[in-house]
Amino acid sequence: MKLKDKTAFVTGGGSGLGAAISRLFAAEGARVCVTDIDLDSAEKVAAECRISTPGAISLRCDVADSSSVRAAFAAMDSAFGDLDILVNNAGIIHTDPEYLAAFQSKGLAQMAELMTTGHIETHLDTIDHLTDAMFDRMLKIHLYGTFYCTREALPRMRKRGKGGRIINMASIMGSASLAGAPDYAAAKGAILAFSRAMAREAASYGVLVNAIAPGFIDTPLLTPLDEQQKALIAMQTPLNRLGKAEEIAAAALFLAGPDSTFVTGQSLSPNGGIYMSQ
């Protein structure tokens, strides 16, 4: 029960990593506020959390909208009265079928060219097709959402005077980058820098701020990839598989719990060895 009597606010908690983190935190004794833009999904996870630790609630929260974030934190105040842990997990990838189909077909063509001639003749041009709206939404959900929630959480933690933990979900793409996803890489890279800056600022009142930078994890975010592409990623990973959501939740538990009291401004990167310079 590493989080006994703690309260946690998790964004994007209705599925994937957020759901796994919420369930594990509840299993370790935390009252969890499960937030998601999809309230039904959030409530389903919150109900699972209540089986472990009573008191979990669900709230609708669109992290790209500061007024929605503000309202969610106000509702959390009414339910819990305090906050110990914030997990900024909400995120997206592009789902436009035409955009994804073009990227996938050209990626497969490049792979075939490398295997046959050793020379790439098919060029990715995804940035040409990124609209203002697509780029804005990617940054709004990942980067602005992290900022909006952190801006709500830190004054509460500072006023309470008992420290706290903030865990921001980054990615290996924030430093390794990824062809075909310049906006995603930019958002995750900014989250890494933001985490370090906030760790310096919040240290004086005992709040530890860290990031998790996962590799390729088998969650709904990988749905646009076909089985051949997933198999290729697994082949490139020294551990020869994709990661599991529960493995990222375990990293979040370490950063939220009593074993990381001298860890702040850091990036923990569970990635199976696919990238070793995080």
C-alpha atoms as a PDB file:
ATOM      1  CA  MET A   1       0.000   0.000   0.000  1.00  0.00           C
ATOM      2  CA  LYS A   2       2.563   2.532  -1.135  1.00  0.00           C
ATOM      3  CA  LEU A   3      -0.040   5.232  -1.777  1.00  0.00           C
ATOM      4  CA  LYS A   4      -2.267   4.728   1.250  1.00  0.00           C
ATOM      5  CA  ASP A   5      -4.280   7.859   2.079  1.00  0.00           C
ATOM      6  CA  LYS A   6      -2.959   9.664  -1.024  1.00  0.00           C
ATOM      7  CA  THR A   7      -5.137  11.331  -3.637  1.00  0.00           C
ATOM      8  CA  ALA A   8      -4.328  11.259  -7.350  1.00  0.00           C
ATOM      9  CA  PHE A   9      -5.653  13.110 -10.400  1.00  0.00           C
ATOM     10  CA  VAL A  10      -5.063  11.161 -13.633  1.00  0.00           C
ATOM     11  CA  THR A  11      -5.807  12.588 -17.076  1.00  0.00           C
ATOM     12  CA  GLY A  12      -6.656  10.326 -19.980  1.00  0.00           C
ATOM     13  CA  GLY A  13      -7.608   7.737 -17.392  1.00  0.00           C
ATOM     14  CA  GLY A  14     -10.357   6.072 -19.379  1.00  0.00           C
ATOM     15  CA  SER A  15      -8.112   3.763 -21.395  1.00  0.00           C
ATOM     16  CA  GLY A  16      -4.568   2.657 -22.106  1.00  0.00           C
ATOM     17  CA  LEU A  17      -1.812   3.909 -19.837  1.00  0.00           C
ATOM     18  CA  GLY A  18      -4.107   6.161 -17.833  1.00  0.00           C
ATOM     19  CA  ALA A  19      -6.427   3.294 -16.976  1.00  0.00           C
ATOM     20  CA  ALA A  20      -3.524   1.044 -15.953  1.00  0.00           C
ATOM     21  CA  ILE A  21      -2.039   3.801 -13.789  1.00  0.00           C
ATOM     22  CA  SER A  22      -5.386   4.536 -12.143  1.00  0.00           C
ATOM     23  CA  ARG A  23      -5.994   0.872 -11.316  1.00  0.00           C
ATOM     24  CA  LEU A  24      -2.508   0.361  -9.888  1.00  0.00           C
ATOM     25  CA  PHE A  25      -2.651   3.538  -7.807  1.00  0.00           C
ATOM     26  CA  ALA A  26      -5.994   2.407  -6.362  1.00  0.00           C
ATOM     27  CA  ALA A  27      -4.573  -1.039  -5.650  1.00  0.00           C
ATOM     28  CA  GLU A  28      -1.809   0.713  -3.687  1.00  0.00           C
ATOM     29  CA  GLY A  29      -4.306   2.619  -1.542  1.00  0.00           C
ATOM     30  CA  ALA A  30      -4.865   5.910  -3.398  1.00  0.00           C
ATOM     31  CA  ARG A  31      -8.183   7.619  -3.957  1.00  0.00           C
ATOM     32  CA  VAL A  32      -8.093   8.265  -7.678  1.00  0.00           C
ATOM     33  CA  CYS A  33      -9.822  10.968  -9.671  1.00  0.00           C
ATOM     34  CA  VAL A  34     -10.070   9.341 -13.104  1.00  0.00           C
ATOM     35  CA  THR A  35     -10.536  11.989 -15.767  1.00  0.00           C
ATOM     36  CA  ASP A  36     -11.085  11.631 -19.486  1.00  0.00           C
ATOM     37  CA  ILE A  37     -12.841  13.423 -22.319  1.00  0.00           C
ATOM     38  CA  ASP A  38     -15.003  10.278 -22.473  1.00  0.00           C
ATOM     39  CA  LEU A  39     -16.830  10.246 -19.144  1.00  0.00           C
ATOM     40  CA  ASP A  40     -18.283   6.767 -19.608  1.00  0.00           C
ATOM     41  CA  SER A  41     -14.801   5.283 -20.026  1.00  0.00           C
ATOM     42  CA  ALA A  42     -13.556   7.227 -17.015  1.00  0.00           C
ATOM     43  CA  GLU A  43     -16.421   5.957 -14.852  1.00  0.00           C
ATOM     44  CA  LYS A  44     -15.789   2.362 -15.878  1.00  0.00           C
ATOM     45  CA  VAL A  45     -12.175   2.641 -14.714  1.00  0.00           C
ATOM     46  CA  ALA A  46     -13.190   4.513 -11.552  1.00  0.00           C
ATOM     47  CA  ALA A  47     -15.598   1.694 -10.701  1.00  0.00           C
ATOM     48  CA  GLU A  48     -12.716  -0.781 -11.015  1.00  0.00           C
ATOM     49  CA  CYS A  49     -10.606   1.454  -8.781  1.00  0.00           C
ATOM     50  CA  ARG A  50     -13.298   1.545  -6.101  1.00  0.00           C
ATOM     51  CA  ILE A  51     -13.054  -2.229  -5.767  1.00  0.00           C
ATOM     52  CA  SER A  52      -9.511  -1.737  -4.451  1.00  0.00           C
ATOM     53  CA  THR A  53      -9.849   1.548  -2.561  1.00  0.00           C
ATOM     54  CA  PRO A  54     -13.172   3.298  -1.879  1.00  0.00           C
ATOM     55  CA  GLY A  55     -13.614   6.877  -2.990  1.00  0.00           C
ATOM     56  CA  ALA A  56     -12.481   6.902  -6.612  1.00  0.00           C
ATOM     57  CA  ILE A  57     -14.434   9.315  -8.799  1.00  0.00           C
ATOM     58  CA  SER A  58     -14.700  10.030 -12.502  1.00  0.00           C
ATOM     59  CA  LEU A  59     -14.801  13.427 -14.147  1.00  0.00           C
ATOM     60  CA  ARG A  60     -15.012  14.637 -17.717  1.00  0.00           C
ATOM     61  CA  CYS A  61     -11.955  16.718 -18.543  1.00  0.00           C
ATOM     62  CA  ASP A  62     -10.862  18.036 -21.916  1.00  0.00           C
ATOM     63  CA  VAL A  63      -7.237  18.899 -21.202  1.00  0.00           C
ATOM     64  CA  ALA A  64      -7.062  21.066 -24.324  1.00  0.00           C
ATOM     65  CA  ASP A  65      -9.611  23.433 -22.754  1.00  0.00           C
ATOM     66  CA  SER A  66      -8.364  25.364 -19.722  1.00  0.00           C
ATOM     67  CA  SER A  67     -11.910  26.023 -18.499  1.00  0.00           C
ATOM     68  CA  SER A  68     -12.653  22.281 -18.556  1.00  0.00           C
ATOM     69  CA  VAL A  69      -9.452  21.621 -16.611  1.00  0.00           C
ATOM     70  CA  ARG A  70     -10.342  24.310 -14.075  1.00  0.00           C
ATOM     71  CA  ALA A  71     -13.817  22.826 -13.579  1.00  0.00           C
ATOM     72  CA  ALA A  72     -12.413  19.299 -13.133  1.00  0.00           C
ATOM     73  CA  PHE A  73      -9.996  20.436 -10.434  1.00  0.00           C
ATOM     74  CA  ALA A  74     -12.777  22.324  -8.657  1.00  0.00           C
ATOM     75  CA  ALA A  75     -14.878  19.145  -8.667  1.00  0.00           C
ATOM     76  CA  MET A  76     -11.899  17.204  -7.319  1.00  0.00           C
ATOM     77  CA  ASP A  77     -11.575  19.769  -4.515  1.00  0.00           C
ATOM     78  CA  SER A  78     -15.177  19.126  -3.509  1.00  0.00           C
ATOM     79  CA  ALA A  79     -14.715  15.361  -3.547  1.00  0.00           C
ATOM     80  CA  PHE A  80     -11.240  14.975  -2.055  1.00  0.00           C
ATOM     81  CA  GLY A  81     -10.276  18.280  -0.474  1.00  0.00           C
ATOM     82  CA  ASP A  82      -6.579  17.835  -1.271  1.00  0.00           C
ATOM     83  CA  LEU A  83      -4.191  16.576  -3.951  1.00  0.00           C
ATOM     84  CA  ASP A  84      -1.007  14.557  -3.618  1.00  0.00           C
ATOM     85  CA  ILE A  85      -0.313  13.260  -7.126  1.00  0.00           C
ATOM     86  CA  LEU A  86      -0.976  14.570 -10.634  1.00  0.00           C
ATOM     87  CA  VAL A  87      -0.439  12.340 -13.652  1.00  0.00           C
ATOM     88  CA  ASN A  88      -0.539  14.270 -16.931  1.00  0.00           C
ATOM     89  CA  ASN A  89      -1.190  11.330 -19.213  1.00  0.00           C
ATOM     90  CA  ALA A  90      -3.800  12.399 -21.782  1.00  0.00           C
ATOM     91  CA  GLY A  91      -2.562  12.160 -25.347  1.00  0.00           C
ATOM     92  CA  ILE A  92      -3.487  11.443 -28.940  1.00  0.00           C
ATOM     93  CA  ILE A  93      -2.030  10.444 -32.267  1.00  0.00           C
ATOM     94  CA  HIS A  94      -3.418  11.343 -35.660  1.00  0.00           C
ATOM     95  CA  THR A  95      -6.346   9.193 -36.753  1.00  0.00           C
ATOM     96  CA  ASP A  96      -7.212  10.710 -40.143  1.00  0.00           C
ATOM     97  CA  PRO A  97      -7.387   7.663 -42.468  1.00  0.00           C
ATOM     98  CA  GLU A  98      -5.990   9.459 -45.502  1.00  0.00           C
ATOM     99  CA  TYR A  99      -3.041  10.880 -43.567  1.00  0.00           C
ATOM    100  CA  LEU A 100      -2.253   7.525 -41.959  1.00  0.00           C
ATOM    101  CA  ALA A 101      -2.634   5.562 -45.178  1.00  0.00           C
ATOM    102  CA  ALA A 102      -0.149   7.797 -46.985  1.00  0.00           C
ATOM    103  CA  PHE A 103       2.378   7.480 -44.169  1.00  0.00           C
ATOM    104  CA  GLN A 104       2.003   3.716 -43.906  1.00  0.00           C
ATOM    105  CA  SER A 105       2.273   3.061 -47.653  1.00  0.00           C
ATOM    106  CA  LYS A 106       5.381   5.218 -47.992  1.00  0.00           C
ATOM    107  CA  GLY A 107       6.930   3.705 -44.888  1.00  0.00           C
ATOM    108  CA  LEU A 108       6.434   0.210 -46.273  1.00  0.00           C
ATOM    109  CA  ALA A 109       7.848   1.333 -49.628  1.00  0.00           C
ATOM    110  CA  GLN A 110      10.961   2.679 -47.891  1.00  0.00           C
ATOM    111  CA  MET A 111      11.360  -0.594 -46.023  1.00  0.00           C
ATOM    112  CA  ALA A 112      11.145  -2.588 -49.254  1.00  0.00           C
ATOM    113  CA  GLU A 113      13.662  -0.297 -50.960  1.00  0.00           C
ATOM    114  CA  LEU A 114      16.137  -0.677 -48.114  1.00  0.00           C
ATOM    115  CA  MET A 115      15.821  -4.445 -48.234  1.00  0.00           C
ATOM    116  CA  THR A 116      16.272  -4.661 -52.005  1.00  0.00           C
ATOM    117  CA  THR A 117      18.473  -1.809 -53.220  1.00  0.00           C
ATOM    118  CA  GLY A 118      19.687  -0.316 -49.937  1.00  0.00           C
ATOM    119  CA  HIS A 119      18.643   3.109 -51.174  1.00  0.00           C
ATOM    120  CA  ILE A 120      15.469   5.044 -50.337  1.00  0.00           C
ATOM    121  CA  GLU A 121      13.717   6.591 -53.303  1.00  0.00           C
ATOM    122  CA  THR A 122      10.280   7.086 -51.757  1.00  0.00           C
ATOM    123  CA  HIS A 123      10.199  10.191 -49.605  1.00  0.00           C
ATOM    124  CA  LEU A 124       8.015  10.875 -46.604  1.00  0.00           C
ATOM    125  CA  ASP A 125       6.219  14.193 -46.884  1.00  0.00           C
ATOM    126  CA  THR A 126       3.928  14.092 -43.879  1.00  0.00           C
ATOM    127  CA  ILE A 127       4.832  17.583 -42.730  1.00  0.00           C
ATOM    128  CA  ASP A 128       3.511  18.935 -46.036  1.00  0.00           C
ATOM    129  CA  HIS A 129       0.091  17.572 -45.103  1.00  0.00           C
ATOM    130  CA  LEU A 130      -0.027  18.672 -41.470  1.00  0.00           C
ATOM    131  CA  THR A 131      -2.690  21.353 -41.246  1.00  0.00           C
ATOM    132  CA  ASP A 132      -2.666  24.189 -38.734  1.00  0.00           C
ATOM    133  CA  ALA A 133      -5.557  22.498 -36.933  1.00  0.00           C
ATOM    134  CA  MET A 134      -3.764  19.132 -36.729  1.00  0.00           C
ATOM    135  CA  PHE A 135      -0.571  20.685 -35.376  1.00  0.00           C
ATOM    136  CA  ASP A 136      -2.469  22.881 -32.917  1.00  0.00           C
ATOM    137  CA  ARG A 137      -4.529  20.003 -31.541  1.00  0.00           C
ATOM    138  CA  MET A 138      -1.469  17.792 -31.052  1.00  0.00           C
ATOM    139  CA  LEU A 139       0.238  20.478 -28.971  1.00  0.00           C
ATOM    140  CA  LYS A 140      -2.939  21.533 -27.182  1.00  0.00           C
ATOM    141  CA  ILE A 141      -3.649  18.066 -25.808  1.00  0.00           C
ATOM    142  CA  HIS A 142      -0.098  17.001 -24.988  1.00  0.00           C
ATOM    143  CA  LEU A 143       1.749  20.195 -24.081  1.00  0.00           C
ATOM    144  CA  TYR A 144      -0.975  22.685 -23.209  1.00  0.00           C
ATOM    145  CA  GLY A 145      -2.903  19.993 -21.325  1.00  0.00           C
ATOM    146  CA  THR A 146       0.181  19.279 -19.225  1.00  0.00           C
ATOM    147  CA  PHE A 147       0.582  23.001 -18.586  1.00  0.00           C
ATOM    148  CA  TYR A 148      -3.090  23.615 -17.726  1.00  0.00           C
ATOM    149  CA  CYS A 149      -3.221  20.765 -15.221  1.00  0.00           C
ATOM    150  CA  THR A 150       0.143  21.610 -13.674  1.00  0.00           C
ATOM    151  CA  ARG A 151      -0.972  25.214 -13.295  1.00  0.00           C
ATOM    152  CA  GLU A 152      -3.977  24.007 -11.293  1.00  0.00           C
ATOM    153  CA  ALA A 153      -2.093  21.420  -9.243  1.00  0.00           C
ATOM    154  CA  LEU A 154       0.982  23.307  -8.066  1.00  0.00           C
ATOM    155  CA  PRO A 155      -0.778  26.094  -6.123  1.00  0.00           C
ATOM    156  CA  ARG A 156      -2.887  23.474  -4.349  1.00  0.00           C
ATOM    157  CA  MET A 157       0.191  21.470  -3.392  1.00  0.00           C
ATOM    158  CA  ARG A 158       2.105  24.580  -2.340  1.00  0.00           C
ATOM    159  CA  LYS A 159      -0.753  25.869  -0.184  1.00  0.00           C
ATOM    160  CA  ARG A 160      -1.209  22.499   1.490  1.00  0.00           C
ATOM    161  CA  GLY A 161       2.465  22.412   2.427  1.00  0.00           C
ATOM    162  CA  LYS A 162       2.944  18.636   2.280  1.00  0.00           C
ATOM    163  CA  GLY A 163       4.771  18.351  -1.019  1.00  0.00           C
ATOM    164  CA  GLY A 164       3.458  16.300  -3.885  1.00  0.00           C
ATOM    165  CA  ARG A 165       4.281  14.491  -7.100  1.00  0.00           C
ATOM    166  CA  ILE A 166       3.704  15.473 -10.705  1.00  0.00           C
ATOM    167  CA  ILE A 167       4.300  12.857 -13.393  1.00  0.00           C
ATOM    168  CA  ASN A 168       4.223  13.954 -17.027  1.00  0.00           C
ATOM    169  CA  MET A 169       3.829  11.454 -19.847  1.00  0.00           C
ATOM    170  CA  ALA A 170       6.465  12.125 -22.468  1.00  0.00           C
ATOM    171  CA  SER A 171       7.873   9.625 -24.983  1.00  0.00           C
ATOM    172  CA  ILE A 172      11.159   8.439 -26.439  1.00  0.00           C
ATOM    173  CA  MET A 173      10.007  10.470 -29.446  1.00  0.00           C
ATOM    174  CA  GLY A 174      10.664  13.595 -27.424  1.00  0.00           C
ATOM    175  CA  SER A 175      14.386  13.024 -27.880  1.00  0.00           C
ATOM    176  CA  ALA A 176      14.795  10.212 -30.421  1.00  0.00           C
ATOM    177  CA  SER A 177      12.146  11.738 -32.720  1.00  0.00           C
ATOM    178  CA  LEU A 178      10.131   9.799 -35.290  1.00  0.00           C
ATOM    179  CA  ALA A 179       9.848  10.266 -39.023  1.00  0.00           C
ATOM    180  CA  GLY A 180       6.260  11.056 -39.937  1.00  0.00           C
ATOM    181  CA  ALA A 181       5.299  12.542 -36.563  1.00  0.00           C
ATOM    182  CA  PRO A 182       7.074  15.909 -36.224  1.00  0.00           C
ATOM    183  CA  ASP A 183       4.241  17.462 -34.219  1.00  0.00           C
ATOM    184  CA  TYR A 184       4.081  14.541 -31.773  1.00  0.00           C
ATOM    185  CA  ALA A 185       7.862  14.606 -31.318  1.00  0.00           C
ATOM    186  CA  ALA A 186       7.774  18.369 -30.781  1.00  0.00           C
ATOM    187  CA  ALA A 187       5.056  18.098 -28.135  1.00  0.00           C
ATOM    188  CA  LYS A 188       6.810  15.321 -26.238  1.00  0.00           C
ATOM    189  CA  GLY A 189      10.174  17.094 -26.398  1.00  0.00           C
ATOM    190  CA  ALA A 190       8.562  20.201 -24.962  1.00  0.00           C
ATOM    191  CA  ILE A 191       7.049  18.150 -22.126  1.00  0.00           C
ATOM    192  CA  LEU A 192      10.521  16.892 -21.178  1.00  0.00           C
ATOM    193  CA  ALA A 193      11.843  20.460 -21.017  1.00  0.00           C
ATOM    194  CA  PHE A 194       8.748  21.686 -19.162  1.00  0.00           C
ATOM    195  CA  SER A 195       9.157  18.905 -16.591  1.00  0.00           C
ATOM    196  CA  ARG A 196      12.736  19.900 -15.835  1.00  0.00           C
ATOM    197  CA  ALA A 197      11.832  23.566 -15.505  1.00  0.00           C
ATOM    198  CA  MET A 198       8.926  22.837 -13.161  1.00  0.00           C
ATOM    199  CA  ALA A 199      11.084  20.467 -11.087  1.00  0.00           C
ATOM    200  CA  ARG A 200      13.472  23.341 -10.388  1.00  0.00           C
ATOM    201  CA  GLU A 201      10.634  25.694  -9.461  1.00  0.00           C
ATOM    202  CA  ALA A 202       8.649  23.280  -7.294  1.00  0.00           C
ATOM    203  CA  ALA A 203      11.590  21.831  -5.354  1.00  0.00           C
ATOM    204  CA  SER A 204      11.479  24.619  -2.758  1.00  0.00           C
ATOM    205  CA  TYR A 205       8.094  23.416  -1.520  1.00  0.00           C
ATOM    206  CA  GLY A 206       8.706  19.708  -1.791  1.00  0.00           C
ATOM    207  CA  VAL A 207       6.948  18.849  -5.037  1.00  0.00           C
ATOM    208  CA  LEU A 208       8.830  16.378  -7.212  1.00  0.00           C
ATOM    209  CA  VAL A 209       8.256  16.666 -10.960  1.00  0.00           C
ATOM    210  CA  ASN A 210       9.343  13.895 -13.313  1.00  0.00           C
ATOM    211  CA  ALA A 211       8.519  12.502 -16.725  1.00  0.00           C
ATOM    212  CA  ILE A 212       8.002   9.025 -18.109  1.00  0.00           C
ATOM    213  CA  ALA A 213       9.213   8.530 -21.668  1.00  0.00           C
ATOM    214  CA  PRO A 214       7.869   5.169 -22.833  1.00  0.00           C
ATOM    215  CA  GLY A 215       8.869   3.314 -25.941  1.00  0.00           C
ATOM    216  CA  PHE A 216       6.283   1.477 -28.023  1.00  0.00           C
ATOM    217  CA  ILE A 217       3.546   0.237 -25.690  1.00  0.00           C
ATOM    218  CA  ASP A 218       0.683  -2.031 -26.741  1.00  0.00           C
ATOM    219  CA  THR A 219      -2.237   0.340 -26.137  1.00  0.00           C
ATOM    220  CA  PRO A 220      -5.044   1.774 -28.313  1.00  0.00           C
ATOM    221  CA  LEU A 221      -2.633   4.498 -29.479  1.00  0.00           C
ATOM    222  CA  LEU A 222      -0.927   1.857 -31.642  1.00  0.00           C
ATOM    223  CA  THR A 223      -4.195   0.844 -33.311  1.00  0.00           C
ATOM    224  CA  PRO A 224      -3.309   2.639 -36.582  1.00  0.00           C
ATOM    225  CA  LEU A 225      -0.271   0.349 -36.971  1.00  0.00           C
ATOM    226  CA  ASP A 226      -0.835  -2.999 -38.697  1.00  0.00           C
ATOM    227  CA  GLU A 227       0.571  -6.263 -37.372  1.00  0.00           C
ATOM    228  CA  GLN A 228       3.533  -6.158 -39.760  1.00  0.00           C
ATOM    229  CA  GLN A 229       4.563  -2.740 -38.471  1.00  0.00           C
ATOM    230  CA  LYS A 230       4.181  -3.844 -34.848  1.00  0.00           C
ATOM    231  CA  ALA A 231       6.280  -6.923 -35.571  1.00  0.00           C
ATOM    232  CA  LEU A 232       8.997  -4.745 -37.099  1.00  0.00           C
ATOM    233  CA  ILE A 233       9.066  -2.535 -33.997  1.00  0.00           C
ATOM    234  CA  ALA A 234       9.339  -5.620 -31.802  1.00  0.00           C
ATOM    235  CA  MET A 235      12.245  -6.876 -33.929  1.00  0.00           C
ATOM    236  CA  GLN A 236      14.053  -3.562 -33.434  1.00  0.00           C
ATOM    237  CA  THR A 237      13.576  -3.745 -29.667  1.00  0.00           C
ATOM    238  CA  PRO A 238      16.279  -5.668 -27.766  1.00  0.00           C
ATOM    239  CA  LEU A 239      13.636  -7.269 -25.539  1.00  0.00           C
ATOM    240  CA  ASN A 240      11.876  -8.367 -28.761  1.00  0.00           C
ATOM    241  CA  ARG A 241       8.372  -7.208 -27.844  1.00  0.00           C
ATOM    242  CA  LEU A 242       6.129  -4.241 -27.295  1.00  0.00           C
ATOM    243  CA  GLY A 243       5.712  -2.910 -23.789  1.00  0.00           C
ATOM    244  CA  LYS A 244       2.648  -3.419 -21.620  1.00  0.00           C
ATOM    245  CA  ALA A 245       0.554  -0.679 -20.052  1.00  0.00           C
ATOM    246  CA  GLU A 246       1.101  -2.254 -16.636  1.00  0.00           C
ATOM    247  CA  GLU A 247       4.860  -1.787 -17.012  1.00  0.00           C
ATOM    248  CA  ILE A 248       4.411   1.950 -17.479  1.00  0.00           C
ATOM    249  CA  ALA A 249       2.011   2.041 -14.545  1.00  0.00           C
ATOM    250  CA  ALA A 250       4.751   0.463 -12.418  1.00  0.00           C
ATOM    251  CA  ALA A 251       7.106   3.279 -13.415  1.00  0.00           C
ATOM    252  CA  ALA A 252       4.441   5.814 -12.438  1.00  0.00           C
ATOM    253  CA  LEU A 253       4.010   4.090  -9.076  1.00  0.00           C
ATOM    254  CA  PHE A 254       7.741   4.357  -8.430  1.00  0.00           C
ATOM    255  CA  LEU A 255       7.691   8.106  -9.146  1.00  0.00           C
ATOM    256  CA  ALA A 256       4.537   8.624  -7.081  1.00  0.00           C
ATOM    257  CA  GLY A 257       5.546   6.507  -4.105  1.00  0.00           C
ATOM    258  CA  PRO A 258       8.026   6.472  -1.226  1.00  0.00           C
ATOM    259  CA  ASP A 259      10.917   4.971  -3.190  1.00  0.00           C
ATOM    260  CA  SER A 260      11.666   8.080  -5.274  1.00  0.00           C
ATOM    261  CA  THR A 261      12.104  10.799  -2.654  1.00  0.00           C
ATOM    262  CA  PHE A 262      15.428  11.959  -4.171  1.00  0.00           C
ATOM    263  CA  VAL A 263      14.244  11.906  -7.786  1.00  0.00           C
ATOM    264  CA  THR A 264      13.104  15.079  -9.532  1.00  0.00           C
ATOM    265  CA  GLY A 265      13.589  16.640 -12.940  1.00  0.00           C
ATOM    266  CA  GLN A 266      14.254  13.212 -14.416  1.00  0.00           C
ATOM    267  CA  SER A 267      12.916  11.151 -17.296  1.00  0.00           C
ATOM    268  CA  LEU A 268      12.298   7.460 -16.677  1.00  0.00           C
ATOM    269  CA  SER A 269      12.194   5.614 -19.989  1.00  0.00           C
ATOM    270  CA  PRO A 270      10.754   2.059 -20.065  1.00  0.00           C
ATOM    271  CA  ASN A 271      11.366   1.228 -23.730  1.00  0.00           C
ATOM    272  CA  GLY A 272      12.693  -2.308 -23.938  1.00  0.00           C
ATOM    273  CA  GLY A 273      16.082  -1.014 -25.006  1.00  0.00           C
ATOM    274  CA  ILE A 274      14.933   0.354 -28.368  1.00  0.00           C
ATOM    275  CA  TYR A 275      16.437   3.716 -27.425  1.00  0.00           C
ATOM    276  CA  MET A 276      19.275   4.013 -24.925  1.00  0.00           C
ATOM    277  CA  SER A 277      20.106   7.717 -24.928  1.00  0.00           C
ATOM    278  CA  GLN A 278      16.992   9.078 -23.184  1.00  0.00           C
END
